[in-house]
Amino acid sequence: MQEIVHEIKSWIYEASERIRASIASNQLTVCTKSDRTDLVTNIDKETQDFLMTKIKNFDPTAKVLGEENNQNHLTDFSGTVFIVDPIDGTMNFVLEQENFCLMIAVYEEAKPSLGFIYDVVKDVLLWGGPSIGVYRNDERIDAPANKGVAEGLLGVNAGMYGTNFAHVREIGNMALGVRMSGCAGVELIALILGKRIGYISNLSPWDYAAGGVLLQTLGLKMSNISGDALNLSDREFFVAGTPKAYEEMTRLLQKDEKVS
């Protein structure tokens, strides 16, 4: 466990140096994928290639699920599986040059083993797993206080909030306020550190896999908005929070039978 943790940390820090260098040199090529707001850059692709090489050199038998470069589908989760998001929050990376993360999860025989979320600009790394606990950089952290929705801030997807999809705006109105960072990693870091009581969004597996390992390790709750376990294969409506806030949120999210 110490060996793989050390390796993954070294990959993350080296990859992040390359990302920061690309920002400094303004060497970005930006393209779109599904629509004009779904951005990908040469750095997303190069970072994933870099991490793929590191993973395969470390463990040639490992499988990889990643956002870019045709690695975004995996049906067999036997053995060791790495789930990689080279730059989570690409729009922020391009336009703000902050509020984006690099994320890696490790699953063993389809069970969560390790998760790493790195805020590249703030130099904050959350990492850990069920057998070792959760750490912020080098400091072990405890679960945040079990607050209800009305006691804290809620991270939300802007589109879901704007249309009040599945009563998301109503849940936001129950909270002390809502925040829309445009980056799952940033929101999950905030939830883990007690700066949010919950997070509702529409996410792909690489958006939540690493954070999910840390959430579960700390006893926080997550699922799709119907209350079912996330499947690691499709984009899904996602909800996570403190146990108390999660129960309050899912009660409203599941109010309409048409939501699935």
C-alpha atoms as a PDB file:
ATOM      1  CA  MET A   1       0.000   0.000   0.000  1.00  0.00           C
ATOM      2  CA  GLN A   2       2.817   2.416   0.846  1.00  0.00           C
ATOM      3  CA  GLU A   3       4.468   1.687  -2.496  1.00  0.00           C
ATOM      4  CA  ILE A   4       1.414   2.387  -4.621  1.00  0.00           C
ATOM      5  CA  VAL A   5       0.528   5.521  -2.622  1.00  0.00           C
ATOM      6  CA  HIS A   6       4.068   6.848  -3.091  1.00  0.00           C
ATOM      7  CA  GLU A   7       3.971   6.075  -6.813  1.00  0.00           C
ATOM      8  CA  ILE A   8       0.616   7.722  -7.458  1.00  0.00           C
ATOM      9  CA  LYS A   9       1.573  10.839  -5.500  1.00  0.00           C
ATOM     10  CA  SER A  10       4.751  11.161  -7.557  1.00  0.00           C
ATOM     11  CA  TRP A  11       2.765  10.832 -10.799  1.00  0.00           C
ATOM     12  CA  ILE A  12       0.290  13.471  -9.659  1.00  0.00           C
ATOM     13  CA  TYR A  13       2.951  15.987  -8.673  1.00  0.00           C
ATOM     14  CA  GLU A  14       4.955  15.435 -11.875  1.00  0.00           C
ATOM     15  CA  ALA A  15       1.860  15.694 -14.070  1.00  0.00           C
ATOM     16  CA  SER A  16       0.796  18.858 -12.254  1.00  0.00           C
ATOM     17  CA  GLU A  17       4.169  20.489 -12.852  1.00  0.00           C
ATOM     18  CA  ARG A  18       3.637  19.855 -16.559  1.00  0.00           C
ATOM     19  CA  ILE A  19       0.140  21.349 -16.356  1.00  0.00           C
ATOM     20  CA  ARG A  20       1.385  24.463 -14.552  1.00  0.00           C
ATOM     21  CA  ALA A  21       4.161  24.849 -17.131  1.00  0.00           C
ATOM     22  CA  SER A  22       1.575  24.733 -19.929  1.00  0.00           C
ATOM     23  CA  ILE A  23      -0.357  27.548 -18.258  1.00  0.00           C
ATOM     24  CA  ALA A  24       2.791  29.640 -17.861  1.00  0.00           C
ATOM     25  CA  SER A  25       3.778  29.146 -21.500  1.00  0.00           C
ATOM     26  CA  ASN A  26       0.202  29.517 -22.804  1.00  0.00           C
ATOM     27  CA  GLN A  27       0.598  26.380 -24.885  1.00  0.00           C
ATOM     28  CA  LEU A  28      -3.050  25.343 -25.053  1.00  0.00           C
ATOM     29  CA  THR A  29      -4.976  23.959 -27.993  1.00  0.00           C
ATOM     30  CA  VAL A  30      -8.687  23.922 -27.196  1.00  0.00           C
ATOM     31  CA  CYS A  31     -11.286  21.762 -28.964  1.00  0.00           C
ATOM     32  CA  THR A  32     -14.902  20.805 -28.287  1.00  0.00           C
ATOM     33  CA  LYS A  33     -16.407  17.345 -27.852  1.00  0.00           C
ATOM     34  CA  SER A  34     -20.188  16.951 -27.518  1.00  0.00           C
ATOM     35  CA  ASP A  35     -21.012  20.703 -27.638  1.00  0.00           C
ATOM     36  CA  ARG A  36     -19.434  24.148 -27.344  1.00  0.00           C
ATOM     37  CA  THR A  37     -19.249  23.940 -23.547  1.00  0.00           C
ATOM     38  CA  ASP A  38     -17.674  20.455 -23.478  1.00  0.00           C
ATOM     39  CA  LEU A  39     -14.028  21.400 -23.872  1.00  0.00           C
ATOM     40  CA  VAL A  40     -10.882  19.331 -24.190  1.00  0.00           C
ATOM     41  CA  THR A  41      -7.321  20.578 -24.551  1.00  0.00           C
ATOM     42  CA  ASN A  42      -4.050  19.103 -25.686  1.00  0.00           C
ATOM     43  CA  ILE A  43      -3.018  19.145 -22.023  1.00  0.00           C
ATOM     44  CA  ASP A  44      -5.980  16.950 -20.977  1.00  0.00           C
ATOM     45  CA  LYS A  45      -4.930  14.369 -23.564  1.00  0.00           C
ATOM     46  CA  GLU A  46      -1.197  14.632 -22.888  1.00  0.00           C
ATOM     47  CA  THR A  47      -1.721  14.353 -19.137  1.00  0.00           C
ATOM     48  CA  GLN A  48      -3.819  11.224 -19.510  1.00  0.00           C
ATOM     49  CA  ASP A  49      -1.209   9.679 -21.836  1.00  0.00           C
ATOM     50  CA  PHE A  50       1.471  10.516 -19.270  1.00  0.00           C
ATOM     51  CA  LEU A  51      -0.513   8.862 -16.474  1.00  0.00           C
ATOM     52  CA  MET A  52      -1.341   5.841 -18.665  1.00  0.00           C
ATOM     53  CA  THR A  53       2.364   5.283 -19.261  1.00  0.00           C
ATOM     54  CA  LYS A  54       3.120   5.546 -15.537  1.00  0.00           C
ATOM     55  CA  ILE A  55       0.322   3.109 -14.668  1.00  0.00           C
ATOM     56  CA  LYS A  56       1.342   0.531 -17.261  1.00  0.00           C
ATOM     57  CA  ASN A  57       5.004   0.726 -16.249  1.00  0.00           C
ATOM     58  CA  PHE A  58       4.005   0.223 -12.619  1.00  0.00           C
ATOM     59  CA  ASP A  59       1.472  -2.559 -13.278  1.00  0.00           C
ATOM     60  CA  PRO A  60       1.221  -3.900 -16.855  1.00  0.00           C
ATOM     61  CA  THR A  61      -1.854  -5.961 -15.920  1.00  0.00           C
ATOM     62  CA  ALA A  62      -3.892  -3.012 -14.621  1.00  0.00           C
ATOM     63  CA  LYS A  63      -6.934  -1.756 -16.502  1.00  0.00           C
ATOM     64  CA  VAL A  64      -7.580   1.966 -16.999  1.00  0.00           C
ATOM     65  CA  LEU A  65     -10.807   3.942 -17.316  1.00  0.00           C
ATOM     66  CA  GLY A  66     -10.172   7.552 -18.286  1.00  0.00           C
ATOM     67  CA  GLU A  67     -12.024  10.513 -19.728  1.00  0.00           C
ATOM     68  CA  GLU A  68      -9.874  11.067 -22.797  1.00  0.00           C
ATOM     69  CA  ASN A  69      -8.194   9.218 -25.672  1.00  0.00           C
ATOM     70  CA  ASN A  70     -10.861   6.520 -26.160  1.00  0.00           C
ATOM     71  CA  GLN A  71     -10.358   5.102 -22.679  1.00  0.00           C
ATOM     72  CA  ASN A  72     -13.827   6.120 -21.480  1.00  0.00           C
ATOM     73  CA  HIS A  73     -15.547   2.729 -21.379  1.00  0.00           C
ATOM     74  CA  LEU A  74     -14.772  -0.327 -19.282  1.00  0.00           C
ATOM     75  CA  THR A  75     -16.971  -3.339 -18.553  1.00  0.00           C
ATOM     76  CA  ASP A  76     -14.547  -5.596 -16.680  1.00  0.00           C
ATOM     77  CA  PHE A  77     -13.566  -4.339 -13.215  1.00  0.00           C
ATOM     78  CA  SER A  78     -11.753  -7.482 -12.138  1.00  0.00           C
ATOM     79  CA  GLY A  79      -8.183  -7.122 -10.881  1.00  0.00           C
ATOM     80  CA  THR A  80      -6.703  -3.643 -10.451  1.00  0.00           C
ATOM     81  CA  VAL A  81      -8.478  -0.755 -12.176  1.00  0.00           C
ATOM     82  CA  PHE A  82      -7.257   2.848 -12.290  1.00  0.00           C
ATOM     83  CA  ILE A  83      -9.894   5.531 -12.979  1.00  0.00           C
ATOM     84  CA  VAL A  84      -8.324   8.754 -14.221  1.00  0.00           C
ATOM     85  CA  ASP A  85      -9.527  12.302 -14.824  1.00  0.00           C
ATOM     86  CA  PRO A  86      -6.460  14.206 -16.079  1.00  0.00           C
ATOM     87  CA  ILE A  87      -8.095  17.628 -15.759  1.00  0.00           C
ATOM     88  CA  ASP A  88     -11.472  17.837 -14.061  1.00  0.00           C
ATOM     89  CA  GLY A  89     -12.966  21.256 -14.758  1.00  0.00           C
ATOM     90  CA  THR A  90     -11.463  21.879 -18.199  1.00  0.00           C
ATOM     91  CA  MET A  91     -13.604  24.980 -18.767  1.00  0.00           C
ATOM     92  CA  ASN A  92     -12.158  26.472 -15.575  1.00  0.00           C
ATOM     93  CA  PHE A  93      -8.663  25.400 -16.636  1.00  0.00           C
ATOM     94  CA  VAL A  94      -9.042  27.220 -19.962  1.00  0.00           C
ATOM     95  CA  LEU A  95     -10.866  30.367 -18.832  1.00  0.00           C
ATOM     96  CA  GLU A  96      -9.886  30.820 -15.176  1.00  0.00           C
ATOM     97  CA  GLN A  97      -6.639  28.866 -14.889  1.00  0.00           C
ATOM     98  CA  GLU A  98      -7.788  27.705 -11.455  1.00  0.00           C
ATOM     99  CA  ASN A  99     -10.545  25.595  -9.858  1.00  0.00           C
ATOM    100  CA  PHE A 100      -9.591  22.385 -11.636  1.00  0.00           C
ATOM    101  CA  CYS A 101      -8.304  19.064 -10.314  1.00  0.00           C
ATOM    102  CA  LEU A 102      -6.384  15.960 -11.273  1.00  0.00           C
ATOM    103  CA  MET A 103      -8.019  12.788  -9.961  1.00  0.00           C
ATOM    104  CA  ILE A 104      -7.042   9.121  -9.733  1.00  0.00           C
ATOM    105  CA  ALA A 105      -8.952   6.248  -8.137  1.00  0.00           C
ATOM    106  CA  VAL A 106      -7.835   2.648  -7.653  1.00  0.00           C
ATOM    107  CA  TYR A 107     -10.333  -0.196  -7.473  1.00  0.00           C
ATOM    108  CA  GLU A 108      -9.423  -3.780  -6.572  1.00  0.00           C
ATOM    109  CA  GLU A 109     -11.848  -6.469  -7.745  1.00  0.00           C
ATOM    110  CA  ALA A 110     -14.517  -3.788  -8.266  1.00  0.00           C
ATOM    111  CA  LYS A 111     -14.109  -2.471  -4.706  1.00  0.00           C
ATOM    112  CA  PRO A 112     -12.756   1.022  -3.821  1.00  0.00           C
ATOM    113  CA  SER A 113      -9.171   0.941  -2.598  1.00  0.00           C
ATOM    114  CA  LEU A 114      -7.571   4.387  -3.020  1.00  0.00           C
ATOM    115  CA  GLY A 115      -8.627   7.862  -4.096  1.00  0.00           C
ATOM    116  CA  PHE A 116      -6.595  10.984  -4.906  1.00  0.00           C
ATOM    117  CA  ILE A 117      -7.963  14.486  -5.691  1.00  0.00           C
ATOM    118  CA  TYR A 118      -5.387  17.199  -6.315  1.00  0.00           C
ATOM    119  CA  ASP A 119      -6.269  20.889  -6.616  1.00  0.00           C
ATOM    120  CA  VAL A 120      -3.388  21.828  -8.898  1.00  0.00           C
ATOM    121  CA  VAL A 121      -3.337  25.576  -8.267  1.00  0.00           C
ATOM    122  CA  LYS A 122      -3.966  25.486  -4.511  1.00  0.00           C
ATOM    123  CA  ASP A 123      -1.555  22.549  -4.029  1.00  0.00           C
ATOM    124  CA  VAL A 124      -4.083  20.614  -1.936  1.00  0.00           C
ATOM    125  CA  LEU A 125      -4.050  16.826  -2.196  1.00  0.00           C
ATOM    126  CA  LEU A 126      -6.779  14.746  -0.582  1.00  0.00           C
ATOM    127  CA  TRP A 127      -5.973  11.066  -0.626  1.00  0.00           C
ATOM    128  CA  GLY A 128      -6.596   7.811   1.178  1.00  0.00           C
ATOM    129  CA  GLY A 129      -8.767   4.738   1.311  1.00  0.00           C
ATOM    130  CA  PRO A 130     -10.638   2.316   3.559  1.00  0.00           C
ATOM    131  CA  SER A 131      -7.490   0.659   4.924  1.00  0.00           C
ATOM    132  CA  ILE A 132      -5.494   3.826   5.656  1.00  0.00           C
ATOM    133  CA  GLY A 133      -7.919   6.686   6.309  1.00  0.00           C
ATOM    134  CA  VAL A 134      -8.094  10.052   4.555  1.00  0.00           C
ATOM    135  CA  TYR A 135      -5.398  12.742   4.443  1.00  0.00           C
ATOM    136  CA  ARG A 136      -5.118  16.383   3.422  1.00  0.00           C
ATOM    137  CA  ASN A 137      -1.552  16.575   2.156  1.00  0.00           C
ATOM    138  CA  ASP A 138       0.249  14.868   5.083  1.00  0.00           C
ATOM    139  CA  GLU A 139      -2.365  15.425   7.800  1.00  0.00           C
ATOM    140  CA  ARG A 140      -4.948  12.776   8.586  1.00  0.00           C
ATOM    141  CA  ILE A 141      -8.477  14.188   8.715  1.00  0.00           C
ATOM    142  CA  ASP A 142     -11.712  13.102  10.358  1.00  0.00           C
ATOM    143  CA  ALA A 143     -15.196  13.074   8.922  1.00  0.00           C
ATOM    144  CA  PRO A 144     -16.876  16.502   8.841  1.00  0.00           C
ATOM    145  CA  ALA A 145     -19.682  17.303  11.238  1.00  0.00           C
ATOM    146  CA  ASN A 146     -22.961  15.596  10.375  1.00  0.00           C
ATOM    147  CA  LYS A 147     -24.911  18.746   9.530  1.00  0.00           C
ATOM    148  CA  GLY A 148     -28.259  18.955   7.787  1.00  0.00           C
ATOM    149  CA  VAL A 149     -29.035  20.859   4.590  1.00  0.00           C
ATOM    150  CA  ALA A 150     -30.154  23.988   6.441  1.00  0.00           C
ATOM    151  CA  GLU A 151     -26.819  24.209   8.255  1.00  0.00           C
ATOM    152  CA  GLY A 152     -24.424  24.635   5.357  1.00  0.00           C
ATOM    153  CA  LEU A 153     -23.624  25.340   1.713  1.00  0.00           C
ATOM    154  CA  LEU A 154     -24.712  23.074  -1.138  1.00  0.00           C
ATOM    155  CA  GLY A 155     -22.657  22.449  -4.274  1.00  0.00           C
ATOM    156  CA  VAL A 156     -24.918  22.136  -7.312  1.00  0.00           C
ATOM    157  CA  ASN A 157     -24.880  21.685 -11.066  1.00  0.00           C
ATOM    158  CA  ALA A 158     -25.925  24.992 -12.664  1.00  0.00           C
ATOM    159  CA  GLY A 159     -28.250  23.407 -15.220  1.00  0.00           C
ATOM    160  CA  MET A 160     -30.039  21.246 -12.674  1.00  0.00           C
ATOM    161  CA  TYR A 161     -30.456  24.227 -10.348  1.00  0.00           C
ATOM    162  CA  GLY A 162     -31.627  26.547 -13.135  1.00  0.00           C
ATOM    163  CA  THR A 163     -34.405  24.188 -14.258  1.00  0.00           C
ATOM    164  CA  ASN A 164     -35.200  22.943 -10.738  1.00  0.00           C
ATOM    165  CA  PHE A 165     -34.609  19.418 -12.011  1.00  0.00           C
ATOM    166  CA  ALA A 166     -35.824  16.886  -9.425  1.00  0.00           C
ATOM    167  CA  HIS A 167     -36.409  19.743  -6.944  1.00  0.00           C
ATOM    168  CA  VAL A 168     -32.715  20.726  -6.869  1.00  0.00           C
ATOM    169  CA  ARG A 169     -33.495  24.434  -6.568  1.00  0.00           C
ATOM    170  CA  GLU A 170     -35.840  23.732  -3.667  1.00  0.00           C
ATOM    171  CA  ILE A 171     -33.032  21.855  -1.922  1.00  0.00           C
ATOM    172  CA  GLY A 172     -30.704  24.769  -2.619  1.00  0.00           C
ATOM    173  CA  ASN A 173     -33.219  27.142  -1.080  1.00  0.00           C
ATOM    174  CA  MET A 174     -33.214  25.005   2.071  1.00  0.00           C
ATOM    175  CA  ALA A 175     -29.436  25.413   2.385  1.00  0.00           C
ATOM    176  CA  LEU A 176     -27.648  28.505   3.659  1.00  0.00           C
ATOM    177  CA  GLY A 177     -26.509  29.058   0.084  1.00  0.00           C
ATOM    178  CA  VAL A 178     -25.484  27.310  -3.136  1.00  0.00           C
ATOM    179  CA  ARG A 179     -22.136  27.172  -4.900  1.00  0.00           C
ATOM    180  CA  MET A 180     -21.415  26.276  -8.539  1.00  0.00           C
ATOM    181  CA  SER A 181     -17.698  25.790  -9.085  1.00  0.00           C
ATOM    182  CA  GLY A 182     -17.916  23.844 -12.353  1.00  0.00           C
ATOM    183  CA  CYS A 183     -15.550  21.165 -11.038  1.00  0.00           C
ATOM    184  CA  ALA A 184     -16.585  17.955  -9.292  1.00  0.00           C
ATOM    185  CA  GLY A 185     -13.166  17.625  -7.685  1.00  0.00           C
ATOM    186  CA  VAL A 186     -13.365  21.077  -6.109  1.00  0.00           C
ATOM    187  CA  GLU A 187     -16.853  20.336  -4.777  1.00  0.00           C
ATOM    188  CA  LEU A 188     -15.875  16.931  -3.388  1.00  0.00           C
ATOM    189  CA  ILE A 189     -12.832  18.411  -1.654  1.00  0.00           C
ATOM    190  CA  ALA A 190     -15.118  21.016  -0.090  1.00  0.00           C
ATOM    191  CA  LEU A 191     -17.579  18.329   1.042  1.00  0.00           C
ATOM    192  CA  ILE A 192     -14.843  16.175   2.543  1.00  0.00           C
ATOM    193  CA  LEU A 193     -13.378  19.175   4.401  1.00  0.00           C
ATOM    194  CA  GLY A 194     -16.769  20.233   5.788  1.00  0.00           C
ATOM    195  CA  LYS A 195     -17.146  23.336   3.596  1.00  0.00           C
ATOM    196  CA  ARG A 196     -20.253  21.860   1.924  1.00  0.00           C
ATOM    197  CA  ILE A 197     -23.031  19.733   3.359  1.00  0.00           C
ATOM    198  CA  GLY A 198     -23.837  18.179  -0.002  1.00  0.00           C
ATOM    199  CA  TYR A 199     -23.257  18.089  -3.742  1.00  0.00           C
ATOM    200  CA  ILE A 200     -25.738  17.376  -6.548  1.00  0.00           C
ATOM    201  CA  SER A 201     -24.646  17.102 -10.164  1.00  0.00           C
ATOM    202  CA  ASN A 202     -24.598  15.050 -13.365  1.00  0.00           C
ATOM    203  CA  LEU A 203     -21.303  13.148 -13.431  1.00  0.00           C
ATOM    204  CA  SER A 204     -19.296  10.519 -15.269  1.00  0.00           C
ATOM    205  CA  PRO A 205     -17.364   7.807 -13.379  1.00  0.00           C
ATOM    206  CA  TRP A 206     -14.017   9.628 -13.594  1.00  0.00           C
ATOM    207  CA  ASP A 207     -15.683  12.694 -12.017  1.00  0.00           C
ATOM    208  CA  TYR A 208     -16.676  10.902  -8.807  1.00  0.00           C
ATOM    209  CA  ALA A 209     -14.570   7.713  -8.503  1.00  0.00           C
ATOM    210  CA  ALA A 210     -11.644   9.207  -6.575  1.00  0.00           C
ATOM    211  CA  GLY A 211     -13.816  11.369  -4.369  1.00  0.00           C
ATOM    212  CA  GLY A 212     -16.180   8.471  -3.822  1.00  0.00           C
ATOM    213  CA  VAL A 213     -13.428   6.385  -2.248  1.00  0.00           C
ATOM    214  CA  LEU A 214     -12.714   9.199   0.216  1.00  0.00           C
ATOM    215  CA  LEU A 215     -16.391   9.896   0.932  1.00  0.00           C
ATOM    216  CA  GLN A 216     -17.092   6.270   1.740  1.00  0.00           C
ATOM    217  CA  THR A 217     -13.977   5.984   3.891  1.00  0.00           C
ATOM    218  CA  LEU A 218     -15.204   8.892   6.030  1.00  0.00           C
ATOM    219  CA  GLY A 219     -18.768   7.603   6.291  1.00  0.00           C
ATOM    220  CA  LEU A 220     -20.292  10.207   3.981  1.00  0.00           C
ATOM    221  CA  LYS A 221     -23.079   9.103   1.632  1.00  0.00           C
ATOM    222  CA  MET A 222     -23.353   9.062  -2.160  1.00  0.00           C
ATOM    223  CA  SER A 223     -25.541   7.454  -4.821  1.00  0.00           C
ATOM    224  CA  ASN A 224     -27.475   8.340  -7.937  1.00  0.00           C
ATOM    225  CA  ILE A 225     -30.516  10.467  -7.164  1.00  0.00           C
ATOM    226  CA  SER A 226     -32.774   7.407  -7.119  1.00  0.00           C
ATOM    227  CA  GLY A 227     -30.720   6.074  -4.223  1.00  0.00           C
ATOM    228  CA  ASP A 228     -29.051   3.291  -6.203  1.00  0.00           C
ATOM    229  CA  ALA A 229     -25.314   2.597  -6.178  1.00  0.00           C
ATOM    230  CA  LEU A 230     -23.359   4.399  -8.888  1.00  0.00           C
ATOM    231  CA  ASN A 231     -22.414   2.014 -11.687  1.00  0.00           C
ATOM    232  CA  LEU A 232     -18.995   3.356 -12.818  1.00  0.00           C
ATOM    233  CA  SER A 233     -20.037   2.905 -16.446  1.00  0.00           C
ATOM    234  CA  ASP A 234     -22.455   5.695 -17.389  1.00  0.00           C
ATOM    235  CA  ARG A 235     -23.053   9.366 -16.757  1.00  0.00           C
ATOM    236  CA  GLU A 236     -25.523   9.623 -13.867  1.00  0.00           C
ATOM    237  CA  PHE A 237     -27.312  12.153 -11.712  1.00  0.00           C
ATOM    238  CA  PHE A 238     -25.234  12.204  -8.547  1.00  0.00           C
ATOM    239  CA  VAL A 239     -25.906  13.137  -4.942  1.00  0.00           C
ATOM    240  CA  ALA A 240     -23.524  13.089  -1.980  1.00  0.00           C
ATOM    241  CA  GLY A 241     -23.499  14.588   1.465  1.00  0.00           C
ATOM    242  CA  THR A 242     -23.235  14.173   5.170  1.00  0.00           C
ATOM    243  CA  PRO A 243     -25.512  11.320   6.310  1.00  0.00           C
ATOM    244  CA  LYS A 244     -28.089  13.802   7.613  1.00  0.00           C
ATOM    245  CA  ALA A 245     -28.054  16.059   4.537  1.00  0.00           C
ATOM    246  CA  TYR A 246     -28.035  13.056   2.182  1.00  0.00           C
ATOM    247  CA  GLU A 247     -31.240  11.695   3.698  1.00  0.00           C
ATOM    248  CA  GLU A 248     -32.909  15.103   3.465  1.00  0.00           C
ATOM    249  CA  MET A 249     -31.806  15.625  -0.140  1.00  0.00           C
ATOM    250  CA  THR A 250     -32.755  12.184  -1.437  1.00  0.00           C
ATOM    251  CA  ARG A 251     -36.216  12.490   0.110  1.00  0.00           C
ATOM    252  CA  LEU A 252     -36.907  15.453  -2.192  1.00  0.00           C
ATOM    253  CA  LEU A 253     -34.919  14.172  -5.181  1.00  0.00           C
ATOM    254  CA  GLN A 254     -37.011  10.997  -5.217  1.00  0.00           C
ATOM    255  CA  LYS A 255     -40.310  12.798  -4.787  1.00  0.00           C
ATOM    256  CA  ASP A 256     -41.306  12.286  -8.435  1.00  0.00           C
ATOM    257  CA  GLU A 257     -41.476   8.725  -9.726  1.00  0.00           C
ATOM    258  CA  LYS A 258     -40.457   9.853 -13.221  1.00  0.00           C
ATOM    259  CA  VAL A 259     -36.891  10.620 -12.052  1.00  0.00           C
ATOM    260  CA  SER A 260     -34.498   7.721 -12.713  1.00  0.00           C
END
